[in-house]
Protein backbone atom coordinates (compact mmCIF):
# COMPACT_ATOMS: atom_id res chain seq x y z
CA UNK A 1 -22.02 1.80 13.87
CA UNK A 2 -20.23 -0.85 11.80
CA UNK A 3 -20.77 -4.37 13.09
CA UNK A 4 -17.97 -5.95 15.10
CA UNK A 5 -17.16 -8.71 12.61
CA UNK A 6 -16.61 -6.15 9.85
CA UNK A 7 -14.46 -4.04 12.16
CA UNK A 8 -12.33 -7.06 13.08
CA UNK A 9 -11.93 -7.88 9.40
CA UNK A 10 -11.00 -4.27 8.65
CA UNK A 11 -8.36 -4.12 11.39
CA UNK A 12 -6.56 -7.11 9.87
CA UNK A 13 -6.38 -5.38 6.48
CA UNK A 14 -4.64 -2.24 7.71
CA UNK A 15 -1.15 -1.19 6.67
CA UNK A 16 -0.69 1.33 9.48
CA UNK A 17 1.34 4.08 7.85
CA UNK A 18 3.68 6.79 9.06
CA UNK A 19 5.26 8.81 6.25
CA UNK A 20 5.60 12.30 7.73
CA UNK A 21 7.85 14.72 5.85
CA UNK A 22 9.31 16.34 8.98
CA UNK A 23 9.68 13.22 11.13
CA UNK A 24 12.31 13.06 13.89
CA UNK A 25 13.36 10.06 16.00
CA UNK A 26 11.52 11.58 18.95
CA UNK A 27 8.25 12.16 17.11
CA UNK A 28 8.42 8.69 15.57
CA UNK A 29 8.90 7.01 18.96
CA UNK A 30 6.02 9.02 20.38
CA UNK A 31 3.83 7.84 17.50
CA UNK A 32 4.73 4.23 18.29
CA UNK A 33 3.85 4.74 21.95
CA UNK A 34 0.47 6.23 21.06
CA UNK A 35 -0.54 3.54 18.56
CA UNK A 36 -3.63 1.49 19.36
CA UNK A 37 -2.96 -2.23 19.77
CA UNK A 38 -4.64 -4.19 16.99
CA UNK A 39 -3.82 -7.12 14.68
CA UNK A 40 -2.82 -5.01 11.67
CA UNK A 41 -1.42 -6.54 8.47
CA UNK A 42 1.68 -4.35 8.35
CA UNK A 43 3.33 -1.12 9.45
CA UNK A 44 4.68 1.08 6.67
CA UNK A 45 7.41 3.64 7.41
CA UNK A 46 10.34 5.36 5.76
CA UNK A 47 13.51 3.21 5.54
CA UNK A 48 15.36 5.29 8.14
CA UNK A 49 12.74 4.46 10.78
CA UNK A 50 12.58 0.71 10.20
CA UNK A 51 15.10 -0.11 12.94
CA UNK A 52 13.01 1.72 15.54
CA UNK A 53 9.86 0.03 14.27
CA UNK A 54 11.43 -3.43 14.35
CA UNK A 55 12.73 -2.89 17.88
CA UNK A 56 9.25 -1.79 18.97
CA UNK A 57 7.43 -4.51 17.04
CA UNK A 58 9.29 -7.28 18.88
CA UNK A 59 7.10 -6.43 21.87
CA UNK A 60 3.88 -6.26 19.86
CA UNK A 61 1.73 -8.55 17.76
CA UNK A 62 3.42 -10.07 14.73
CA UNK A 63 3.10 -7.89 11.65
CA UNK A 64 4.86 -7.27 8.37
CA UNK A 65 7.40 -4.45 8.08
CA UNK A 66 6.84 -2.36 4.96
CA UNK A 67 8.79 0.55 3.54
CA UNK A 68 8.64 2.78 0.47
CA UNK A 69 11.00 3.17 -2.48
CA UNK A 70 11.03 5.49 -5.51
CA UNK A 71 8.83 7.57 -3.23
CA UNK A 72 6.91 9.75 -3.71
CA UNK A 73 7.58 11.10 -7.21
CA UNK A 74 8.43 7.85 -9.00
CA UNK A 75 11.29 9.48 -10.89
CA UNK A 76 14.43 7.55 -9.82
CA UNK A 77 16.07 5.23 -12.31
CA UNK A 78 15.73 1.49 -11.85
CA UNK A 79 19.31 0.94 -10.64
CA UNK A 80 18.82 3.39 -7.75
CA UNK A 81 15.44 1.91 -6.86
CA UNK A 82 16.86 -1.61 -6.87
CA UNK A 83 19.59 -0.46 -4.48
CA UNK A 84 16.90 1.06 -2.23
CA UNK A 85 15.03 -2.26 -2.27
CA UNK A 86 18.10 -4.31 -1.46
CA UNK A 87 19.09 -2.01 1.43
CA UNK A 88 15.52 -2.10 2.75
CA UNK A 89 15.40 -5.89 2.72
CA UNK A 90 18.76 -6.06 4.49
CA UNK A 91 17.34 -3.59 7.03
CA UNK A 92 14.44 -5.90 7.82
CA UNK A 93 11.68 -4.96 5.38
CA UNK A 94 9.33 -7.82 4.54
CA UNK A 95 7.23 -5.75 2.14
CA UNK A 96 8.18 -3.10 -0.43
CA UNK A 97 5.80 -0.34 -1.60
CA UNK A 98 7.30 1.01 -4.84
CA UNK A 99 6.05 3.92 -6.93
CA UNK A 100 5.50 3.15 -10.60
CA UNK A 101 7.23 5.63 -12.95
CA UNK A 102 3.80 7.01 -13.74
CA UNK A 103 5.08 10.08 -15.58
CA UNK A 104 6.75 7.75 -18.10
CA UNK A 105 3.42 5.96 -18.43
CA UNK A 106 1.68 9.29 -19.08
CA UNK A 107 4.18 9.87 -21.89
CA UNK A 108 3.28 6.50 -23.39
CA UNK A 109 6.69 4.97 -22.58
CA UNK A 110 5.28 1.56 -21.77
CA UNK A 111 8.48 -0.30 -22.60
CA UNK A 112 10.44 1.72 -20.05
CA UNK A 113 7.78 1.04 -17.41
CA UNK A 114 7.90 -2.69 -18.17
CA UNK A 115 11.70 -2.78 -17.83
CA UNK A 116 11.50 -0.86 -14.54
CA UNK A 117 8.94 -3.28 -13.13
CA UNK A 118 10.98 -6.30 -14.21
CA UNK A 119 14.06 -4.93 -12.46
CA UNK A 120 12.28 -4.11 -9.19
CA UNK A 121 10.58 -7.51 -9.15
CA UNK A 122 13.96 -9.20 -9.50
CA UNK A 123 15.49 -7.02 -6.78
CA UNK A 124 12.59 -7.73 -4.42
CA UNK A 125 13.04 -11.51 -4.80
CA UNK A 126 10.39 -13.18 -2.62
CA UNK A 127 9.56 -10.02 -0.67
CA UNK A 128 5.96 -8.81 -1.04
CA UNK A 129 5.95 -6.09 -3.72
CA UNK A 130 3.20 -3.46 -3.89
CA UNK A 131 3.27 -1.19 -6.93
CA UNK A 132 1.82 2.30 -6.37
CA UNK A 133 0.31 3.56 -9.63
CA UNK A 134 -0.57 7.05 -8.27
CA UNK A 135 -4.06 6.81 -9.73
CA UNK A 136 -4.95 10.41 -8.85
CA UNK A 137 -2.27 11.67 -11.26
CA UNK A 138 -3.44 9.48 -14.14
CA UNK A 139 -5.72 11.50 -16.38
CA UNK A 140 -8.02 8.88 -17.89
CA UNK A 141 -9.67 5.62 -16.90
CA UNK A 142 -7.63 3.95 -19.65
CA UNK A 143 -4.38 5.10 -18.01
CA UNK A 144 -5.46 3.72 -14.63
CA UNK A 145 -6.30 0.42 -16.32
CA UNK A 146 -3.00 0.37 -18.26
CA UNK A 147 -0.94 1.11 -15.13
CA UNK A 148 -2.74 -1.71 -13.31
CA UNK A 149 -2.18 -4.12 -16.21
CA UNK A 150 1.53 -3.30 -16.39
CA UNK A 151 1.96 -3.71 -12.63
CA UNK A 152 0.28 -7.12 -12.77
CA UNK A 153 2.33 -8.21 -15.80
CA UNK A 154 5.46 -7.03 -13.97
CA UNK A 155 4.86 -9.39 -11.08
CA UNK A 156 3.35 -7.11 -8.45
CA UNK A 157 1.83 -8.87 -5.45
CA UNK A 158 -0.46 -5.87 -4.89
CA UNK A 159 -1.51 -2.92 -7.03
CA UNK A 160 -1.82 0.18 -4.86
CA UNK A 161 -3.68 3.41 -5.55
CA UNK A 162 -1.67 6.30 -4.14
CA UNK A 163 1.32 7.62 -2.23
CA UNK A 164 -0.93 9.95 -0.25
CA UNK A 165 1.38 12.79 -1.32
CA UNK A 166 -0.68 14.18 -4.20
CA UNK A 167 -3.96 16.08 -4.25
CA UNK A 168 -6.12 13.10 -5.25
CA UNK A 169 -5.74 9.81 -3.41
CA UNK A 170 -7.98 6.78 -3.71
CA UNK A 171 -11.33 7.32 -5.44
CA UNK A 172 -14.16 4.85 -5.92
CA UNK A 173 -13.78 5.16 -9.70
CA UNK A 174 -10.07 4.33 -9.65
CA UNK A 175 -10.62 1.47 -7.18
CA UNK A 176 -13.34 0.03 -9.40
CA UNK A 177 -11.12 0.16 -12.49
CA UNK A 178 -8.14 -1.37 -10.70
CA UNK A 179 -10.24 -4.14 -9.15
CA UNK A 180 -11.83 -4.93 -12.50
CA UNK A 181 -8.39 -5.29 -14.10
CA UNK A 182 -7.18 -7.46 -11.21
CA UNK A 183 -10.25 -9.70 -11.43
CA UNK A 184 -9.92 -10.02 -15.23
CA UNK A 185 -6.22 -10.96 -15.00
CA UNK A 186 -7.00 -14.27 -13.32
CA UNK A 187 -3.81 -13.83 -11.31
CA UNK A 188 -3.39 -13.94 -7.56
CA UNK A 189 -2.81 -10.20 -7.20
CA UNK A 190 -4.00 -8.08 -4.30
CA UNK A 191 -5.36 -4.53 -4.12
CA UNK A 192 -4.25 -1.79 -1.74
CA UNK A 193 -6.33 1.34 -1.20
CA UNK A 194 -4.35 4.28 0.15
CA UNK A 195 -4.37 8.04 0.13
CA UNK A 196 -7.21 9.67 2.04
CA UNK A 197 -8.93 6.63 3.56
CA UNK A 198 -9.82 8.26 6.86
CA UNK A 199 -13.13 6.82 8.05
CA UNK A 200 -14.39 3.36 8.86
CA UNK A 201 -17.39 3.93 6.59
CA UNK A 202 -15.17 4.75 3.60
CA UNK A 203 -12.93 1.76 4.30
CA UNK A 204 -15.88 -0.62 4.63
CA UNK A 205 -17.20 0.67 1.30
CA UNK A 206 -13.87 -0.19 -0.33
CA UNK A 207 -13.89 -3.66 1.23
CA UNK A 208 -17.41 -4.23 -0.09
CA UNK A 209 -16.34 -3.03 -3.55
CA UNK A 210 -13.40 -5.44 -3.48
CA UNK A 211 -15.61 -8.36 -2.52
CA UNK A 212 -18.31 -7.50 -5.06
CA UNK A 213 -15.89 -7.23 -8.01
CA UNK A 214 -13.46 -10.04 -7.20
CA UNK A 215 -15.94 -12.45 -5.62
CA UNK A 216 -13.42 -13.07 -2.85
CA UNK A 217 -13.47 -12.38 0.86
CA UNK A 218 -11.11 -9.52 1.71
CA UNK A 219 -8.14 -10.91 3.65
CA UNK A 220 -4.75 -9.35 4.22
CA UNK A 221 -3.33 -11.70 1.59
CA UNK A 222 -5.43 -10.03 -1.11
CA UNK A 223 -6.44 -6.59 0.20
CA UNK A 224 -4.80 -3.86 2.21
CA UNK A 225 -5.83 -0.39 3.30
CA UNK A 226 -3.12 2.17 3.94
CA UNK A 227 -4.06 3.95 7.14
CA UNK A 228 -2.92 6.54 9.61
CA UNK A 229 -5.87 8.28 11.27
CA UNK A 230 -8.14 5.39 10.22
CA UNK A 231 -6.39 3.04 12.64
CA UNK A 232 -7.57 5.09 15.59
CA UNK A 233 -11.15 5.19 14.28
CA UNK A 234 -11.17 1.39 13.88
CA UNK A 235 -9.72 0.90 17.37
CA UNK A 236 -12.26 3.26 18.95
CA UNK A 237 -15.21 1.58 17.23
CA UNK A 238 -13.94 -1.86 18.24
CA UNK A 239 -13.82 -0.72 21.87
CA UNK A 240 -17.34 0.64 21.65
CA UNK A 241 -18.85 -2.36 19.88
């Protein structure tokens, strides 16, 4: 059993996520009703469900409202993604999770990736911007490092592992590479682990890795964990502790 202080820390790092492909208004509202009450960092949903989330969240603890753009394939052009960002902010989003055009990166088109990141940073203004590098689709450690470097140079507030929509989500190897790049940058950039983080034990291991590499305490200002099923595991262990 994880100790209570670690569980409380972990709860505050969660971006509780709902990105179901066949969602309906009814199933989304049922999900909200069934959610455990905990002081999460944010709730992350598709743009079309933000209004329902915001209406529900007014009765809950204060949290950030996150949504996704250029999701999940990372193939839209920058103008379309910037429009998605602007509409999302007008709709109440306080955080944007944006997929890096990782296929362009795989082709070595670094200039195009840089221009894309510049445009989405400008469109996001002061809104928290998390760049999803889709680490499981990047073939080499060097590509994971390069994607992380470009995201940081482009002004990302967080570098995020995965959409959760590909076969390989977060891995310890990818997390280690990303955290090493973040630490070496000297910039105030956070790390978000997502895609297959399902157990408290796995999440605690990622928190420990973050703290070991960065030398910082994991707080929701510098680390997030994208979670769906994990939120229930954390809540159940908190009750039992």
